[in-house]
Amino acid sequence: MTPAWKMLGDKIAADHFPKIFFNFREVREITGYGENTIARRCLEAGILVKKDGRSKRIDAYDIGALLCDGRVSPVEND
């Protein structure tokens, strides 16, 4: 079975073909996170970004991993 982060990365890459790297503004549009929140979320998830001139770019599969980070079960067992 394919991991959820890989399926999300495949879908993001397919929807934006031929792009695979996205800047923070584009990541904000894809994820719905605030532009200032993305850097902190990447740091907490251990995701590295690629610096391209003044822009910082994130891989589609890392965006998928970012979206899957911190998922918990909807049912809590006390």
Protein backbone atom coordinates (compact mmCIF):
# COMPACT_ATOMS: atom_id res chain seq x y z
CA MET A 1 0.00 0.00 0.00
CA THR A 2 1.28 3.46 -0.91
CA PRO A 3 1.84 5.86 2.01
CA ALA A 4 -0.58 8.81 2.22
CA TRP A 5 2.20 11.41 1.86
CA LYS A 6 3.31 9.82 -1.44
CA MET A 7 -0.24 9.74 -2.81
CA LEU A 8 -0.67 13.42 -1.89
CA GLY A 9 2.69 14.27 -3.48
CA ASP A 10 1.74 12.42 -6.67
CA LYS A 11 -1.58 14.28 -6.83
CA ILE A 12 0.06 17.69 -6.23
CA ALA A 13 2.70 17.00 -8.89
CA ALA A 14 0.08 15.75 -11.39
CA ASP A 15 -2.19 18.76 -10.81
CA HIS A 16 0.67 21.21 -11.40
CA PHE A 17 2.56 19.27 -14.12
CA PRO A 18 5.47 19.76 -14.94
CA LYS A 19 6.22 21.62 -11.68
CA ILE A 20 7.55 19.67 -8.71
CA PHE A 21 9.02 22.52 -6.61
CA PHE A 22 6.81 25.28 -5.20
CA ASN A 23 7.59 28.56 -3.42
CA PHE A 24 5.94 29.52 -0.13
CA ARG A 25 3.13 31.48 -1.84
CA GLU A 26 2.21 28.46 -3.95
CA VAL A 27 2.46 26.14 -0.93
CA ARG A 28 0.09 28.49 0.92
CA GLU A 29 -2.44 28.11 -1.90
CA ILE A 30 -2.07 24.30 -1.94
CA THR A 31 -2.17 23.70 1.82
CA GLY A 32 -4.23 26.58 3.16
CA TYR A 33 -1.57 27.40 5.77
CA GLY A 34 -0.48 31.00 6.28
CA GLU A 35 2.71 32.04 4.49
CA ASN A 36 4.47 32.70 7.80
CA THR A 37 3.27 29.39 9.25
CA ILE A 38 4.75 27.25 6.46
CA ALA A 39 8.39 27.79 7.49
CA ARG A 40 7.63 26.87 11.12
CA ARG A 41 5.62 23.79 10.10
CA CYS A 42 8.46 22.63 7.81
CA LEU A 43 10.97 23.09 10.63
CA GLU A 44 8.81 21.11 13.07
CA ALA A 45 8.29 18.32 10.52
CA GLY A 46 12.02 18.13 9.67
CA ILE A 47 11.46 19.17 6.05
CA LEU A 48 14.33 20.92 4.30
CA VAL A 49 13.71 23.56 1.65
CA LYS A 50 15.73 24.28 -1.48
CA LYS A 51 17.01 27.82 -1.82
CA ASP A 52 16.72 29.20 -5.36
CA GLY A 53 18.02 32.75 -5.38
CA ARG A 54 15.84 34.69 -2.96
CA SER A 55 13.05 32.13 -3.12
CA LYS A 56 12.75 29.01 -0.99
CA ARG A 57 11.15 26.02 -2.68
CA ILE A 58 9.48 22.92 -1.31
CA ASP A 59 9.16 19.58 -3.14
CA ALA A 60 5.64 18.25 -3.87
CA TYR A 61 6.32 15.09 -1.84
CA ASP A 62 7.47 17.18 1.12
CA ILE A 63 4.21 19.14 0.86
CA GLY A 64 2.39 15.80 1.05
CA ALA A 65 4.44 14.87 4.12
CA LEU A 66 3.70 18.28 5.64
CA LEU A 67 -0.03 17.73 5.20
CA CYS A 68 0.20 14.25 6.78
CA ASP A 69 2.37 15.37 9.71
CA GLY A 70 0.61 15.41 13.07
CA ARG A 71 -2.34 13.25 12.08
CA VAL A 72 -4.05 11.48 14.98
CA SER A 73 -6.86 9.02 15.36
CA PRO A 74 -10.32 10.61 15.44
CA VAL A 75 -11.23 8.37 18.38
CA GLU A 76 -9.44 8.88 21.67
CA ASN A 77 -9.13 5.96 24.06
CA ASP A 78 -8.96 7.11 27.67
